[in-house]
PDB file of N, CA and C in Angstrom:
ATOM      1  N   UNK A   1     -85.521 -93.475  89.679  1.00  0.00           N
ATOM      2  CA  UNK A   1     -86.484 -93.480  88.607  1.00  0.00           C
ATOM      3  C   UNK A   1     -87.272 -94.789  88.569  1.00  0.00           C
ATOM      4  N   UNK A   2     -86.578 -95.892  88.793  1.00  0.00           N
ATOM      5  CA  UNK A   2     -87.242 -97.197  88.712  1.00  0.00           C
ATOM      6  C   UNK A   2     -88.265 -97.420  89.829  1.00  0.00           C
ATOM      7  N   UNK A   3     -88.027 -96.840  90.987  1.00  0.00           N
ATOM      8  CA  UNK A   3     -88.939 -97.080  92.111  1.00  0.00           C
ATOM      9  C   UNK A   3     -90.230 -96.278  92.000  1.00  0.00           C
ATOM     10  N   UNK A   4     -90.254 -95.295  91.101  1.00  0.00           N
ATOM     11  CA  UNK A   4     -91.453 -94.475  90.872  1.00  0.00           C
ATOM     12  C   UNK A   4     -91.904 -93.737  92.130  1.00  0.00           C
ATOM     13  N   UNK A   5     -90.936 -93.284  92.922  1.00  0.00           N
ATOM     14  CA  UNK A   5     -91.237 -92.539  94.135  1.00  0.00           C
ATOM     15  C   UNK A   5     -90.608 -91.153  94.023  1.00  0.00           C
ATOM     16  N   UNK A   6     -91.376 -90.130  94.375  1.00  0.00           N
ATOM     17  CA  UNK A   6     -90.855 -88.768  94.432  1.00  0.00           C
ATOM     18  C   UNK A   6     -90.533 -88.465  95.877  1.00  0.00           C
ATOM     19  N   UNK A   7     -89.380 -87.877  96.096  1.00  0.00           N
ATOM     20  CA  UNK A   7     -88.958 -87.493  97.436  1.00  0.00           C
ATOM     21  C   UNK A   7     -88.858 -85.981  97.502  1.00  0.00           C
ATOM     22  N   UNK A   8     -89.502 -85.398  98.486  1.00  0.00           N
ATOM     23  CA  UNK A   8     -89.380 -83.967  98.741  1.00  0.00           C
ATOM     24  C   UNK A   8     -88.621 -83.834 100.047  1.00  0.00           C
ATOM     25  N   UNK A   9     -87.452 -83.242  99.964  1.00  0.00           N
ATOM     26  CA  UNK A   9     -86.617 -83.062 101.148  1.00  0.00           C
ATOM     27  C   UNK A   9     -86.410 -81.577 101.351  1.00  0.00           C
ATOM     28  N   UNK A  10     -86.779 -81.096 102.524  1.00  0.00           N
ATOM     29  CA  UNK A  10     -86.633 -79.688 102.879  1.00  0.00           C
ATOM     30  C   UNK A  10     -86.292 -79.618 104.355  1.00  0.00           C
ATOM     31  N   UNK A  11     -85.029 -79.307 104.628  1.00  0.00           N
ATOM     32  CA  UNK A  11     -84.492 -79.246 105.989  1.00  0.00           C
ATOM     33  C   UNK A  11     -84.725 -80.564 106.729  1.00  0.00           C
ATOM     34  N   UNK A  12     -85.590 -80.580 107.708  1.00  0.00           N
ATOM     35  CA  UNK A  12     -85.802 -81.798 108.496  1.00  0.00           C
ATOM     36  C   UNK A  12     -87.052 -82.569 108.063  1.00  0.00           C
ATOM     37  N   UNK A  13     -87.544 -82.279 106.875  1.00  0.00           N
ATOM     38  CA  UNK A  13     -88.767 -82.898 106.384  1.00  0.00           C
ATOM     39  C   UNK A  13     -88.449 -83.724 105.143  1.00  0.00           C
ATOM     40  N   UNK A  14     -88.820 -84.994 105.161  1.00  0.00           N
ATOM     41  CA  UNK A  14     -88.660 -85.859 103.999  1.00  0.00           C
ATOM     42  C   UNK A  14     -89.994 -86.535 103.737  1.00  0.00           C
ATOM     43  N   UNK A  15     -90.562 -86.236 102.574  1.00  0.00           N
ATOM     44  CA  UNK A  15     -91.842 -86.817 102.195  1.00  0.00           C
ATOM     45  C   UNK A  15     -91.639 -87.683 100.962  1.00  0.00           C
ATOM     46  N   UNK A  16     -92.305 -88.822 100.923  1.00  0.00           N
ATOM     47  CA  UNK A  16     -92.208 -89.761  99.806  1.00  0.00           C
ATOM     48  C   UNK A  16     -93.589 -89.962  99.214  1.00  0.00           C
ATOM     49  N   UNK A  17     -93.672 -89.860  97.889  1.00  0.00           N
ATOM     50  CA  UNK A  17     -94.950 -89.971  97.206  1.00  0.00           C
ATOM     51  C   UNK A  17     -94.826 -90.826  95.959  1.00  0.00           C
ATOM     52  N   UNK A  18     -95.899 -91.506  95.615  1.00  0.00           N
ATOM     53  CA  UNK A  18     -96.021 -92.030  94.264  1.00  0.00           C
ATOM     54  C   UNK A  18     -96.367 -90.816  93.399  1.00  0.00           C
ATOM     55  N   UNK A  19     -96.234 -90.901  92.087  1.00  0.00           N
ATOM     56  CA  UNK A  19     -96.613 -89.752  91.251  1.00  0.00           C
ATOM     57  C   UNK A  19     -98.052 -89.288  91.473  1.00  0.00           C
ATOM     58  N   UNK A  20     -98.963 -90.214  91.657  1.00  0.00           N
ATOM     59  CA  UNK A  20    -100.365 -89.851  91.874  1.00  0.00           C
ATOM     60  C   UNK A  20    -100.554 -89.151  93.226  1.00  0.00           C
ATOM     61  N   UNK A  21     -99.913 -89.693  94.256  1.00  0.00           N
ATOM     62  CA  UNK A  21     -99.998 -89.074  95.581  1.00  0.00           C
ATOM     63  C   UNK A  21     -99.399 -87.664  95.562  1.00  0.00           C
ATOM     64  N   UNK A  22     -98.291 -87.528  94.853  1.00  0.00           N
ATOM     65  CA  UNK A  22     -97.641 -86.219  94.775  1.00  0.00           C
ATOM     66  C   UNK A  22     -98.569 -85.194  94.134  1.00  0.00           C
ATOM     67  N   UNK A  23     -99.199 -85.562  93.029  1.00  0.00           N
ATOM     68  CA  UNK A  23    -100.109 -84.635  92.352  1.00  0.00           C
ATOM     69  C   UNK A  23    -101.239 -84.216  93.278  1.00  0.00           C
ATOM     70  N   UNK A  24    -101.830 -85.169  93.985  1.00  0.00           N
ATOM     71  CA  UNK A  24    -102.917 -84.853  94.908  1.00  0.00           C
ATOM     72  C   UNK A  24    -102.426 -83.941  96.037  1.00  0.00           C
ATOM     73  N   UNK A  25    -101.250 -84.235  96.588  1.00  0.00           N
ATOM     74  CA  UNK A  25    -100.711 -83.425  97.676  1.00  0.00           C
ATOM     75  C   UNK A  25    -100.380 -82.020  97.187  1.00  0.00           C
ATOM     76  N   UNK A  26     -99.767 -81.917  96.031  1.00  0.00           N
ATOM     77  CA  UNK A  26     -99.409 -80.604  95.478  1.00  0.00           C
ATOM     78  C   UNK A  26    -100.667 -79.791  95.201  1.00  0.00           C
ATOM     79  N   UNK A  27    -101.681 -80.419  94.611  1.00  0.00           N
ATOM     80  CA  UNK A  27    -102.954 -79.724  94.364  1.00  0.00           C
ATOM     81  C   UNK A  27    -103.564 -79.241  95.678  1.00  0.00           C
ATOM     82  N   UNK A  28    -103.545 -80.092  96.680  1.00  0.00           N
ATOM     83  CA  UNK A  28    -104.100 -79.732  97.989  1.00  0.00           C
ATOM     84  C   UNK A  28    -103.361 -78.538  98.595  1.00  0.00           C
ATOM     85  N   UNK A  29    -102.026 -78.588  98.605  1.00  0.00           N
ATOM     86  CA  UNK A  29    -101.263 -77.506  99.238  1.00  0.00           C
ATOM     87  C   UNK A  29    -101.327 -76.215  98.443  1.00  0.00           C
ATOM     88  N   UNK A  30    -101.455 -76.307  97.130  1.00  0.00           N
ATOM     89  CA  UNK A  30    -101.523 -75.079  96.333  1.00  0.00           C
ATOM     90  C   UNK A  30    -102.858 -74.371  96.520  1.00  0.00           C
ATOM     91  N   UNK A  31    -103.889 -75.098  96.934  1.00  0.00           N
ATOM     92  CA  UNK A  31    -105.209 -74.507  97.158  1.00  0.00           C
ATOM     93  C   UNK A  31    -105.410 -74.069  98.616  1.00  0.00           C
ATOM     94  N   UNK A  32    -104.424 -74.332  99.447  1.00  0.00           N
ATOM     95  CA  UNK A  32    -104.531 -74.007 100.866  1.00  0.00           C
ATOM     96  C   UNK A  32    -104.638 -72.496 101.071  1.00  0.00           C
ATOM     97  N   UNK A  33    -105.567 -72.070 101.883  1.00  0.00           N
ATOM     98  CA  UNK A  33    -105.711 -70.659 102.224  1.00  0.00           C
ATOM     99  C   UNK A  33    -104.689 -70.335 103.313  1.00  0.00           C
ATOM    100  N   UNK A  34    -103.607 -69.687 102.907  1.00  0.00           N
ATOM    101  CA  UNK A  34    -102.497 -69.424 103.821  1.00  0.00           C
ATOM    102  C   UNK A  34    -102.964 -68.597 105.019  1.00  0.00           C
ATOM    103  N   UNK A  35    -103.752 -67.570 104.786  1.00  0.00           N
ATOM    104  CA  UNK A  35    -104.223 -66.711 105.880  1.00  0.00           C
ATOM    105  C   UNK A  35    -105.026 -67.500 106.918  1.00  0.00           C
ATOM    106  N   UNK A  36    -105.863 -68.421 106.453  1.00  0.00           N
ATOM    107  CA  UNK A  36    -106.688 -69.233 107.347  1.00  0.00           C
ATOM    108  C   UNK A  36    -105.861 -70.272 108.106  1.00  0.00           C
ATOM    109  N   UNK A  37    -104.666 -70.575 107.593  1.00  0.00           N
ATOM    110  CA  UNK A  37    -103.840 -71.624 108.183  1.00  0.00           C
ATOM    111  C   UNK A  37    -102.740 -71.096 109.090  1.00  0.00           C
ATOM    112  N   UNK A  38    -102.685 -69.765 109.266  1.00  0.00           N
ATOM    113  CA  UNK A  38    -101.645 -69.157 110.098  1.00  0.00           C
ATOM    114  C   UNK A  38    -102.121 -69.063 111.549  1.00  0.00           C
ATOM    115  N   UNK A  39    -101.221 -69.437 112.458  1.00  0.00           N
ATOM    116  CA  UNK A  39    -101.532 -69.381 113.883  1.00  0.00           C
ATOM    117  C   UNK A  39    -100.329 -68.844 114.640  1.00  0.00           C
ATOM    118  N   UNK A  40    -100.577 -68.073 115.715  1.00  0.00           N
ATOM    119  CA  UNK A  40     -99.456 -67.585 116.526  1.00  0.00           C
ATOM    120  C   UNK A  40     -98.884 -68.717 117.385  1.00  0.00           C
ATOM    121  N   UNK A  41     -97.561 -68.730 117.503  1.00  0.00           N
ATOM    122  CA  UNK A  41     -96.885 -69.736 118.331  1.00  0.00           C
ATOM    123  C   UNK A  41     -96.266 -69.056 119.549  1.00  0.00           C
ATOM    124  N   UNK A  42     -95.947 -69.826 120.588  1.00  0.00           N
ATOM    125  CA  UNK A  42     -95.436 -69.243 121.836  1.00  0.00           C
ATOM    126  C   UNK A  42     -94.189 -68.376 121.662  1.00  0.00           C
ATOM    127  N   UNK A  43     -93.407 -68.600 120.599  1.00  0.00           N
ATOM    128  CA  UNK A  43     -92.210 -67.776 120.405  1.00  0.00           C
ATOM    129  C   UNK A  43     -92.520 -66.444 119.731  1.00  0.00           C
ATOM    130  N   UNK A  44     -93.813 -66.163 119.501  1.00  0.00           N
ATOM    131  CA  UNK A  44     -94.218 -64.895 118.923  1.00  0.00           C
ATOM    132  C   UNK A  44     -94.299 -64.896 117.406  1.00  0.00           C
ATOM    133  N   UNK A  45     -93.887 -65.964 116.762  1.00  0.00           N
ATOM    134  CA  UNK A  45     -93.938 -66.031 115.307  1.00  0.00           C
ATOM    135  C   UNK A  45     -95.219 -66.728 114.865  1.00  0.00           C
ATOM    136  N   UNK A  46     -95.797 -66.223 113.784  1.00  0.00           N
ATOM    137  CA  UNK A  46     -96.948 -66.904 113.196  1.00  0.00           C
ATOM    138  C   UNK A  46     -96.439 -67.949 112.227  1.00  0.00           C
ATOM    139  N   UNK A  47     -97.063 -69.099 112.247  1.00  0.00           N
ATOM    140  CA  UNK A  47     -96.674 -70.199 111.367  1.00  0.00           C
ATOM    141  C   UNK A  47     -97.910 -70.796 110.712  1.00  0.00           C
ATOM    142  N   UNK A  48     -97.691 -71.270 109.496  1.00  0.00           N
ATOM    143  CA  UNK A  48     -98.730 -71.996 108.791  1.00  0.00           C
ATOM    144  C   UNK A  48     -98.755 -73.418 109.342  1.00  0.00           C
ATOM    145  N   UNK A  49     -99.933 -73.912 109.639  1.00  0.00           N
ATOM    146  CA  UNK A  49    -100.094 -75.275 110.134  1.00  0.00           C
ATOM    147  C   UNK A  49    -100.722 -76.100 109.023  1.00  0.00           C
ATOM    148  N   UNK A  50    -100.005 -77.141 108.623  1.00  0.00           N
ATOM    149  CA  UNK A  50    -100.484 -78.050 107.589  1.00  0.00           C
ATOM    150  C   UNK A  50    -100.893 -79.347 108.272  1.00  0.00           C
ATOM    151  N   UNK A  51    -102.168 -79.597 108.272  1.00  0.00           N
ATOM    152  CA  UNK A  51    -102.681 -80.814 108.881  1.00  0.00           C
ATOM    153  C   UNK A  51    -102.446 -81.994 107.945  1.00  0.00           C
ATOM    154  N   UNK A  52    -102.276 -83.165 108.517  1.00  0.00           N
ATOM    155  CA  UNK A  52    -102.076 -84.377 107.730  1.00  0.00           C
ATOM    156  C   UNK A  52    -103.264 -85.308 107.971  1.00  0.00           C
ATOM    157  N   UNK A  53    -103.357 -86.381 107.204  1.00  0.00           N
ATOM    158  CA  UNK A  53    -104.447 -87.339 107.450  1.00  0.00           C
ATOM    159  C   UNK A  53    -104.378 -87.974 108.838  1.00  0.00           C
ATOM    160  N   UNK A  54    -103.227 -87.914 109.482  1.00  0.00           N
ATOM    161  CA  UNK A  54    -103.086 -88.417 110.853  1.00  0.00           C
ATOM    162  C   UNK A  54    -103.352 -87.254 111.794  1.00  0.00           C
ATOM    163  N   UNK A  55    -104.433 -87.307 112.518  1.00  0.00           N
ATOM    164  CA  UNK A  55    -104.891 -86.166 113.307  1.00  0.00           C
ATOM    165  C   UNK A  55    -103.866 -85.665 114.320  1.00  0.00           C
ATOM    166  N   UNK A  56    -102.952 -86.513 114.740  1.00  0.00           N
ATOM    167  CA  UNK A  56    -101.973 -86.073 115.725  1.00  0.00           C
ATOM    168  C   UNK A  56    -100.639 -85.656 115.094  1.00  0.00           C
ATOM    169  N   UNK A  57    -100.575 -85.541 113.768  1.00  0.00           N
ATOM    170  CA  UNK A  57     -99.361 -85.091 113.092  1.00  0.00           C
ATOM    171  C   UNK A  57     -99.699 -83.893 112.215  1.00  0.00           C
ATOM    172  N   UNK A  58     -99.031 -82.774 112.488  1.00  0.00           N
ATOM    173  CA  UNK A  58     -99.163 -81.565 111.679  1.00  0.00           C
ATOM    174  C   UNK A  58     -97.755 -81.052 111.374  1.00  0.00           C
ATOM    175  N   UNK A  59     -97.615 -80.364 110.259  1.00  0.00           N
ATOM    176  CA  UNK A  59     -96.360 -79.703 109.929  1.00  0.00           C
ATOM    177  C   UNK A  59     -96.565 -78.204 110.106  1.00  0.00           C
ATOM    178  N   UNK A  60     -95.534 -77.514 110.533  1.00  0.00           N
ATOM    179  CA  UNK A  60     -95.618 -76.062 110.654  1.00  0.00           C
ATOM    180  C   UNK A  60     -94.519 -75.430 109.813  1.00  0.00           C
ATOM    181  N   UNK A  61     -94.846 -74.277 109.247  1.00  0.00           N
ATOM    182  CA  UNK A  61     -93.932 -73.555 108.382  1.00  0.00           C
ATOM    183  C   UNK A  61     -94.018 -72.061 108.664  1.00  0.00           C
ATOM    184  N   UNK A  62     -92.868 -71.394 108.700  1.00  0.00           N
ATOM    185  CA  UNK A  62     -92.889 -69.937 108.626  1.00  0.00           C
ATOM    186  C   UNK A  62     -93.268 -69.611 107.181  1.00  0.00           C
ATOM    187  N   UNK A  63     -93.571 -68.366 106.889  1.00  0.00           N
ATOM    188  CA  UNK A  63     -93.922 -67.993 105.516  1.00  0.00           C
ATOM    189  C   UNK A  63     -92.765 -68.309 104.573  1.00  0.00           C
ATOM    190  N   UNK A  64     -91.546 -68.009 104.986  1.00  0.00           N
ATOM    191  CA  UNK A  64     -90.372 -68.298 104.146  1.00  0.00           C
ATOM    192  C   UNK A  64     -90.230 -69.799 103.921  1.00  0.00           C
ATOM    193  N   UNK A  65     -90.401 -70.590 104.978  1.00  0.00           N
ATOM    194  CA  UNK A  65     -90.317 -72.046 104.839  1.00  0.00           C
ATOM    195  C   UNK A  65     -91.415 -72.572 103.917  1.00  0.00           C
ATOM    196  N   UNK A  66     -92.618 -72.011 104.023  1.00  0.00           N
ATOM    197  CA  UNK A  66     -93.724 -72.434 103.167  1.00  0.00           C
ATOM    198  C   UNK A  66     -93.409 -72.130 101.703  1.00  0.00           C
ATOM    199  N   UNK A  67     -92.881 -70.941 101.449  1.00  0.00           N
ATOM    200  CA  UNK A  67     -92.511 -70.580 100.079  1.00  0.00           C
ATOM    201  C   UNK A  67     -91.427 -71.510  99.548  1.00  0.00           C
ATOM    202  N   UNK A  68     -90.433 -71.841 100.387  1.00  0.00           N
ATOM    203  CA  UNK A  68     -89.387 -72.787  99.990  1.00  0.00           C
ATOM    204  C   UNK A  68     -89.974 -74.163  99.703  1.00  0.00           C
ATOM    205  N   UNK A  69     -90.920 -74.583 100.529  1.00  0.00           N
ATOM    206  CA  UNK A  69     -91.573 -75.873 100.355  1.00  0.00           C
ATOM    207  C   UNK A  69     -92.354 -75.911  99.045  1.00  0.00           C
ATOM    208  N   UNK A  70     -93.092 -74.853  98.774  1.00  0.00           N
ATOM    209  CA  UNK A  70     -93.844 -74.775  97.520  1.00  0.00           C
ATOM    210  C   UNK A  70     -92.891 -74.802  96.316  1.00  0.00           C
ATOM    211  N   UNK A  71     -91.757 -74.106  96.434  1.00  0.00           N
ATOM    212  CA  UNK A  71     -90.771 -74.092  95.364  1.00  0.00           C
ATOM    213  C   UNK A  71     -90.174 -75.489  95.158  1.00  0.00           C
ATOM    214  N   UNK A  72     -89.920 -76.200  96.240  1.00  0.00           N
ATOM    215  CA  UNK A  72     -89.381 -77.560  96.140  1.00  0.00           C
ATOM    216  C   UNK A  72     -90.367 -78.469  95.413  1.00  0.00           C
ATOM    217  N   UNK A  73     -91.653 -78.290  95.666  1.00  0.00           N
ATOM    218  CA  UNK A  73     -92.645 -79.111  94.979  1.00  0.00           C
ATOM    219  C   UNK A  73     -92.752 -78.730  93.504  1.00  0.00           C
ATOM    220  N   UNK A  74     -92.612 -77.451  93.200  1.00  0.00           N
ATOM    221  CA  UNK A  74     -92.599 -77.022  91.794  1.00  0.00           C
ATOM    222  C   UNK A  74     -91.412 -77.651  91.065  1.00  0.00           C
ATOM    223  N   UNK A  75     -90.252 -77.641  91.725  1.00  0.00           N
ATOM    224  CA  UNK A  75     -89.061 -78.250  91.129  1.00  0.00           C
ATOM    225  C   UNK A  75     -89.245 -79.755  90.930  1.00  0.00           C
ATOM    226  N   UNK A  76     -89.863 -80.406  91.899  1.00  0.00           N
ATOM    227  CA  UNK A  76     -90.106 -81.847  91.779  1.00  0.00           C
ATOM    228  C   UNK A  76     -91.047 -82.136  90.618  1.00  0.00           C
ATOM    229  N   UNK A  77     -92.065 -81.335  90.468  1.00  0.00           N
ATOM    230  CA  UNK A  77     -92.996 -81.521  89.359  1.00  0.00           C
ATOM    231  C   UNK A  77     -92.282 -81.299  88.021  1.00  0.00           C
ATOM    232  N   UNK A  78     -91.448 -80.284  87.953  1.00  0.00           N
ATOM    233  CA  UNK A  78     -90.683 -80.001  86.740  1.00  0.00           C
ATOM    234  C   UNK A  78     -89.752 -81.171  86.410  1.00  0.00           C
ATOM    235  N   UNK A  79     -89.032 -81.675  87.409  1.00  0.00           N
ATOM    236  CA  UNK A  79     -88.110 -82.789  87.175  1.00  0.00           C
ATOM    237  C   UNK A  79     -88.869 -84.049  86.773  1.00  0.00           C
ATOM    238  N   UNK A  80     -90.047 -84.237  87.318  1.00  0.00           N
ATOM    239  CA  UNK A  80     -90.877 -85.385  86.932  1.00  0.00           C
ATOM    240  C   UNK A  80     -91.207 -85.289  85.440  1.00  0.00           C
ATOM    241  N   UNK A  81     -91.525 -84.111  84.965  1.00  0.00           N
ATOM    242  CA  UNK A  81     -91.816 -83.910  83.543  1.00  0.00           C
ATOM    243  C   UNK A  81     -90.573 -84.157  82.688  1.00  0.00           C
ATOM    244  N   UNK A  82     -89.409 -83.695  83.152  1.00  0.00           N
ATOM    245  CA  UNK A  82     -88.157 -83.915  82.425  1.00  0.00           C
ATOM    246  C   UNK A  82     -87.880 -85.413  82.313  1.00  0.00           C
ATOM    247  N   UNK A  83     -87.995 -86.147  83.422  1.00  0.00           N
ATOM    248  CA  UNK A  83     -87.752 -87.596  83.403  1.00  0.00           C
ATOM    249  C   UNK A  83     -88.717 -88.311  82.473  1.00  0.00           C
ATOM    250  N   UNK A  84     -89.962 -87.861  82.469  1.00  0.00           N
ATOM    251  CA  UNK A  84     -90.949 -88.488  81.575  1.00  0.00           C
ATOM    252  C   UNK A  84     -90.556 -88.270  80.116  1.00  0.00           C
ATOM    253  N   UNK A  85     -90.093 -87.081  79.787  1.00  0.00           N
ATOM    254  CA  UNK A  85     -89.662 -86.811  78.410  1.00  0.00           C
ATOM    255  C   UNK A  85     -88.453 -87.652  78.023  1.00  0.00           C
ATOM    256  N   UNK A  86     -87.526 -87.811  78.934  1.00  0.00           N
ATOM    257  CA  UNK A  86     -86.311 -88.569  78.656  1.00  0.00           C
ATOM    258  C   UNK A  86     -86.604 -90.056  78.477  1.00  0.00           C
ATOM    259  N   UNK A  87     -87.496 -90.582  79.290  1.00  0.00           N
ATOM    260  CA  UNK A  87     -87.737 -92.016  79.317  1.00  0.00           C
ATOM    261  C   UNK A  87     -88.933 -92.484  78.488  1.00  0.00           C
ATOM    262  N   UNK A  88     -89.537 -91.588  77.747  1.00  0.00           N
ATOM    263  CA  UNK A  88     -90.673 -92.008  76.894  1.00  0.00           C
ATOM    264  C   UNK A  88     -90.422 -91.656  75.468  1.00  0.00           C
TER     265      UNK A  88
END
């Protein structure tokens, strides 16, 4: 709580955000057009490709992984609100 950093951990992905960065990232991902971001991969599965500000780093998600990721961010936002209520 004191460091003011939100951590999103999902399998092999760990993202760290300030509250402001988290809000911007969550807004960005919630507006993402999933259909436009899906691409076929060599193993035959389609995956969502999430580009990052670093052109050579992208994250990929199956639909289930993307839904889990979105749920993790919803939970993080909810917990952020709970902590704010407790500490203010």
